[in-house]
Amino acid sequence: MRSLRIFAIFAAFVCFAVQVNSANAEKVVRVVGYTFPPFVSKDGTGGLTTNFLTFLNNQQSTYRFEFSKVHPNRRYWAIEKQVADIVVFEMPEWGWQKHALLFDETRVLLRGGEVYISRAEEGRGQTFFDDLKSKLIAGVLGYHYGFADFNSDSKWLKKNFSIILNNDPGVVIKLVLKGRADVGVVTQSYLSRYLAKHPEAVKELLISKKKDQKYLLRALIGKHAPITTSEFESLLDRLKSSGNLKRFFDSNGVGAHFAF
């Protein structure tokens, strides 16, 4: 009889422990991204996005943010089919218009932009970037560019512009430097990091003063996600108040673009 009472007490304790652990379990938030240096590296294992998610995981225990890399065009499908919850460092103008009912957007996290580059040659100045229709342009497949009214469809781009599309912004710079493209389009943050690693290229490149587009990067959160937009912003507000959020972006070299 005593053994039965002990077993009943033990069983009740196990049930209680399971309930406590279940209540305290982290909510998994699935984040997707695509090759977009310096935010997501080509192999998907590095970059500002994965660093940001690691930072968020280390700062709290309510949510666990997990990252998966997808093709740029698959990010819409991932949110629509609810196989992903969030896309971070994104702009609603980048093809999300017809999916607008599926997600909410946060306040701006980072500001930035993209610039044009060409090979520096004698007599070539800023007016070289005025007429892109007559130039061979190098860009990244799946990206949305201001000069193309943010239309990323490769067939449309090749029909309306003389353009080379590849999967790596580093290749864009190399094509320009080797004279295989007249103009390239790159993010300011990526270009800054490239020139820091390759200082000899500073004199070899002409960089436009005007931007192809200005970035207002946000997090787009699916309405089905286990974290709401207000909850995500509250989390960031707490980290901002402590100074940890700004310190994170400073340590990743984009503190000057911090906007939240």
Protein backbone atom coordinates (compact mmCIF):
# COMPACT_ATOMS: atom_id res chain seq x y z
CA MET A 1 0.00 0.00 0.00
CA ARG A 2 2.82 2.31 0.89
CA SER A 3 4.52 1.54 -2.43
CA LEU A 4 1.35 2.48 -4.28
CA ARG A 5 1.21 5.83 -2.47
CA ILE A 6 4.87 6.46 -3.31
CA PHE A 7 4.23 5.58 -6.95
CA ALA A 8 1.20 7.91 -7.06
CA ILE A 9 3.24 10.75 -5.57
CA PHE A 10 6.06 10.12 -8.05
CA ALA A 11 3.63 10.02 -10.98
CA ALA A 12 2.03 13.27 -9.85
CA PHE A 13 5.46 14.88 -9.57
CA VAL A 14 6.39 13.75 -13.09
CA CYS A 15 3.16 15.15 -14.50
CA PHE A 16 3.74 18.44 -12.71
CA ALA A 17 7.32 18.64 -14.00
CA VAL A 18 6.19 17.96 -17.55
CA GLN A 19 3.55 20.68 -17.29
CA VAL A 20 6.08 23.17 -15.91
CA ASN A 21 8.61 22.33 -18.61
CA SER A 22 5.92 22.59 -21.29
CA ALA A 23 4.81 25.97 -19.96
CA ASN A 24 8.40 27.20 -19.84
CA ALA A 25 9.44 25.72 -23.20
CA GLU A 26 10.82 28.18 -25.72
CA LYS A 27 8.56 28.99 -28.66
CA VAL A 28 10.36 28.16 -31.89
CA VAL A 29 10.30 31.02 -34.40
CA ARG A 30 11.34 29.98 -37.91
CA VAL A 31 13.28 32.67 -39.78
CA VAL A 32 14.16 32.51 -43.47
CA GLY A 33 16.67 34.49 -45.48
CA TYR A 34 18.49 34.37 -48.79
CA THR A 35 21.97 35.16 -50.01
CA PHE A 36 22.28 38.87 -49.29
CA PRO A 37 25.73 39.83 -47.98
CA PRO A 38 26.44 41.16 -45.43
CA PHE A 39 23.10 39.95 -44.03
CA VAL A 40 23.22 36.33 -45.22
CA SER A 41 26.38 34.73 -46.57
CA LYS A 42 26.43 32.61 -49.71
CA ASP A 43 26.46 29.35 -47.74
CA GLY A 44 23.85 30.62 -45.26
CA THR A 45 25.99 29.98 -42.20
CA GLY A 46 27.17 33.52 -41.53
CA GLY A 47 26.22 37.15 -41.79
CA LEU A 48 24.35 39.77 -39.84
CA THR A 49 21.06 37.82 -39.84
CA THR A 50 22.42 34.68 -38.19
CA ASN A 51 24.44 36.81 -35.76
CA PHE A 52 21.28 38.74 -34.89
CA LEU A 53 19.30 35.56 -34.19
CA THR A 54 22.09 34.18 -32.01
CA PHE A 55 22.09 37.48 -30.12
CA LEU A 56 18.31 37.31 -29.59
CA ASN A 57 18.52 33.70 -28.39
CA ASN A 58 21.20 34.63 -25.89
CA GLN A 59 19.26 37.60 -24.54
CA GLN A 60 16.01 35.83 -23.61
CA SER A 61 14.45 32.39 -23.15
CA THR A 62 10.85 32.88 -24.31
CA TYR A 63 11.61 32.30 -27.98
CA ARG A 64 14.19 30.33 -29.92
CA PHE A 65 14.89 31.81 -33.35
CA GLU A 66 15.98 29.25 -35.95
CA PHE A 67 17.31 30.16 -39.39
CA SER A 68 16.95 28.50 -42.80
CA LYS A 69 18.34 29.75 -46.10
CA VAL A 70 16.07 29.75 -49.15
CA HIS A 71 16.18 30.97 -52.74
CA PRO A 72 15.09 34.65 -52.84
CA ASN A 73 11.82 33.82 -54.61
CA ARG A 74 10.99 31.08 -52.06
CA ARG A 75 10.71 33.47 -49.13
CA TYR A 76 7.21 34.52 -50.22
CA TRP A 77 6.14 30.88 -50.54
CA ALA A 78 7.60 30.07 -47.11
CA ILE A 79 5.46 32.70 -45.40
CA GLU A 80 2.37 31.92 -47.50
CA LYS A 81 2.56 28.18 -46.76
CA GLN A 82 3.42 28.88 -43.10
CA VAL A 83 6.64 26.89 -43.19
CA ALA A 84 8.43 30.02 -41.95
CA ASP A 85 7.41 32.79 -39.59
CA ILE A 86 9.68 35.79 -40.14
CA VAL A 87 11.94 37.44 -42.69
CA VAL A 88 14.30 39.99 -41.12
CA PHE A 89 16.14 42.92 -42.72
CA GLU A 90 13.59 43.07 -45.51
CA MET A 91 11.52 45.71 -47.32
CA PRO A 92 7.81 45.29 -48.14
CA GLU A 93 8.53 46.87 -51.54
CA TRP A 94 10.69 43.88 -52.50
CA GLY A 95 7.90 41.85 -54.06
CA TRP A 96 5.68 41.54 -50.98
CA GLN A 97 2.82 43.71 -52.22
CA LYS A 98 0.59 40.82 -53.32
CA HIS A 99 1.28 39.00 -50.04
CA ALA A 100 0.49 42.00 -47.83
CA LEU A 101 -2.40 40.30 -46.01
CA LEU A 102 -0.13 37.50 -44.80
CA PHE A 103 2.22 39.52 -42.60
CA ASP A 104 2.72 42.56 -40.40
CA GLU A 105 5.83 44.73 -40.47
CA THR A 106 7.89 46.12 -37.63
CA ARG A 107 9.40 49.54 -37.27
CA VAL A 108 12.56 50.17 -39.28
CA LEU A 109 15.57 48.28 -37.92
CA LEU A 110 18.30 49.56 -40.21
CA ARG A 111 18.72 52.20 -42.88
CA GLY A 112 21.03 51.83 -45.86
CA GLY A 113 21.08 51.69 -49.61
CA GLU A 114 22.59 50.49 -52.85
CA VAL A 115 24.96 52.39 -55.11
CA TYR A 116 26.26 52.03 -58.65
CA ILE A 117 29.88 51.23 -59.38
CA SER A 118 31.98 51.27 -62.53
CA ARG A 119 35.63 50.91 -63.35
CA ALA A 120 37.49 54.18 -62.79
CA GLU A 121 38.73 55.49 -66.14
CA GLU A 122 40.10 58.81 -67.30
CA GLY A 123 37.32 61.26 -68.13
CA ARG A 124 34.62 59.12 -66.51
CA GLY A 125 32.58 60.88 -63.81
CA GLN A 126 29.23 60.80 -62.08
CA THR A 127 27.30 61.46 -65.30
CA PHE A 128 28.32 57.96 -66.40
CA PHE A 129 25.52 56.61 -64.21
CA ASP A 130 22.79 58.82 -65.70
CA ASP A 131 21.84 56.47 -68.54
CA LEU A 132 21.74 52.82 -67.52
CA LYS A 133 19.79 51.71 -70.59
CA SER A 134 22.92 52.04 -72.69
CA LYS A 135 25.11 50.14 -70.19
CA LEU A 136 25.78 46.48 -69.49
CA ILE A 137 24.67 46.06 -65.87
CA ALA A 138 25.79 43.42 -63.37
CA GLY A 139 23.35 42.45 -60.63
CA VAL A 140 22.28 39.60 -58.37
CA LEU A 141 19.55 37.15 -59.35
CA GLY A 142 16.37 37.67 -57.32
CA TYR A 143 17.27 41.14 -56.04
CA HIS A 144 14.93 44.10 -56.44
CA TYR A 145 16.50 47.23 -57.95
CA GLY A 146 15.24 50.78 -58.04
CA PHE A 147 16.27 51.33 -61.66
CA ALA A 148 13.93 48.44 -62.59
CA ASP A 149 11.01 49.61 -60.42
CA PHE A 150 11.79 46.71 -58.06
CA ASN A 151 10.81 44.07 -60.63
CA SER A 152 13.08 41.08 -59.91
CA ASP A 153 11.82 38.79 -62.68
CA SER A 154 14.93 37.75 -64.61
CA LYS A 155 13.12 37.42 -67.96
CA TRP A 156 11.67 40.91 -67.62
CA LEU A 157 15.04 42.36 -66.62
CA LYS A 158 16.85 40.77 -69.56
CA LYS A 159 14.12 41.97 -71.93
CA ASN A 160 14.27 45.58 -70.72
CA PHE A 161 17.96 45.96 -69.83
CA SER A 162 21.32 44.64 -70.88
CA ILE A 163 22.04 42.80 -67.66
CA ILE A 164 24.16 39.97 -66.25
CA LEU A 165 22.65 38.20 -63.24
CA ASN A 166 24.56 35.94 -60.87
CA ASN A 167 24.26 34.69 -57.29
CA ASP A 168 27.08 36.63 -55.63
CA PRO A 169 27.52 40.41 -55.12
CA GLY A 170 31.27 39.79 -54.98
CA VAL A 171 31.08 38.64 -58.60
CA VAL A 172 29.31 41.89 -59.48
CA ILE A 173 32.35 43.87 -58.31
CA LYS A 174 34.78 41.54 -60.10
CA LEU A 175 32.85 41.81 -63.37
CA VAL A 176 33.09 45.60 -63.17
CA LEU A 177 36.79 45.61 -62.27
CA LYS A 178 37.58 43.26 -65.17
CA GLY A 179 35.58 45.39 -67.62
CA ARG A 180 33.05 42.65 -68.30
CA ALA A 181 30.22 44.90 -67.11
CA ASP A 182 29.88 48.67 -67.39
CA VAL A 183 27.93 49.18 -64.17
CA GLY A 184 27.33 47.10 -61.05
CA VAL A 185 24.78 47.57 -58.27
CA VAL A 186 25.91 46.75 -54.72
CA THR A 187 24.85 47.50 -51.17
CA GLN A 188 26.85 50.18 -49.40
CA SER A 189 27.48 47.87 -46.45
CA TYR A 190 28.84 45.09 -48.68
CA LEU A 191 30.97 47.50 -50.70
CA SER A 192 32.45 49.00 -47.52
CA ARG A 193 33.47 45.58 -46.25
CA TYR A 194 34.87 44.62 -49.66
CA LEU A 195 37.02 47.74 -49.88
CA ALA A 196 38.27 47.21 -46.33
CA LYS A 197 39.54 43.78 -47.40
CA HIS A 198 40.74 44.97 -50.82
CA PRO A 199 42.01 48.55 -50.33
CA GLU A 200 43.70 48.47 -53.74
CA ALA A 201 40.22 48.53 -55.32
CA VAL A 202 39.45 51.98 -53.89
CA LYS A 203 41.31 53.68 -56.74
CA GLU A 204 40.02 51.20 -59.31
CA LEU A 205 36.33 51.90 -58.74
CA LEU A 206 34.07 54.89 -59.44
CA ILE A 207 31.23 54.89 -56.92
CA SER A 208 28.01 56.79 -57.59
CA LYS A 209 26.96 59.54 -55.25
CA LYS A 210 23.31 58.81 -55.96
CA LYS A 211 21.66 55.65 -54.69
CA ASP A 212 19.81 53.08 -56.73
CA GLN A 213 17.53 52.81 -53.70
CA LYS A 214 17.45 53.62 -50.02
CA TYR A 215 16.91 50.81 -47.55
CA LEU A 216 14.41 50.90 -44.71
CA LEU A 217 14.91 47.37 -43.44
CA ARG A 218 12.29 45.81 -41.17
CA ALA A 219 11.18 42.41 -39.93
CA LEU A 220 8.14 40.99 -41.74
CA ILE A 221 6.22 38.70 -39.39
CA GLY A 222 3.62 36.23 -40.65
CA LYS A 223 0.22 36.57 -39.00
CA HIS A 224 0.46 32.87 -38.10
CA ALA A 225 3.80 33.28 -36.29
CA PRO A 226 4.18 32.30 -32.60
CA ILE A 227 5.45 35.81 -31.95
CA THR A 228 3.42 38.90 -32.87
CA THR A 229 4.81 42.12 -34.23
CA SER A 230 4.13 43.92 -30.94
CA GLU A 231 5.85 41.13 -28.98
CA PHE A 232 8.88 41.24 -31.27
CA GLU A 233 9.10 45.02 -30.99
CA SER A 234 8.72 44.82 -27.19
CA LEU A 235 11.64 42.40 -27.08
CA LEU A 236 13.78 44.79 -29.14
CA ASP A 237 12.63 47.78 -27.07
CA ARG A 238 13.90 46.07 -23.91
CA LEU A 239 17.22 45.34 -25.57
CA LYS A 240 17.39 48.91 -26.84
CA SER A 241 16.75 50.32 -23.36
CA SER A 242 19.61 48.25 -21.96
CA GLY A 243 21.92 49.45 -24.74
CA ASN A 244 22.56 45.89 -25.87
CA LEU A 245 20.76 46.27 -29.20
CA LYS A 246 22.85 49.24 -30.33
CA ARG A 247 26.02 47.55 -29.08
CA PHE A 248 25.16 44.49 -31.18
CA PHE A 249 24.83 46.49 -34.41
CA ASP A 250 27.95 48.51 -33.57
CA SER A 251 29.95 45.31 -33.09
CA ASN A 252 28.74 44.04 -36.46
CA GLY A 253 29.86 47.17 -38.29
CA VAL A 254 26.42 48.62 -39.07
CA GLY A 255 25.86 50.83 -36.04
CA ALA A 256 25.74 53.90 -38.27
CA HIS A 257 22.65 52.43 -39.97
CA PHE A 258 20.81 51.56 -36.72
CA ALA A 259 17.29 53.03 -36.82
CA PHE A 260 15.01 51.13 -34.40
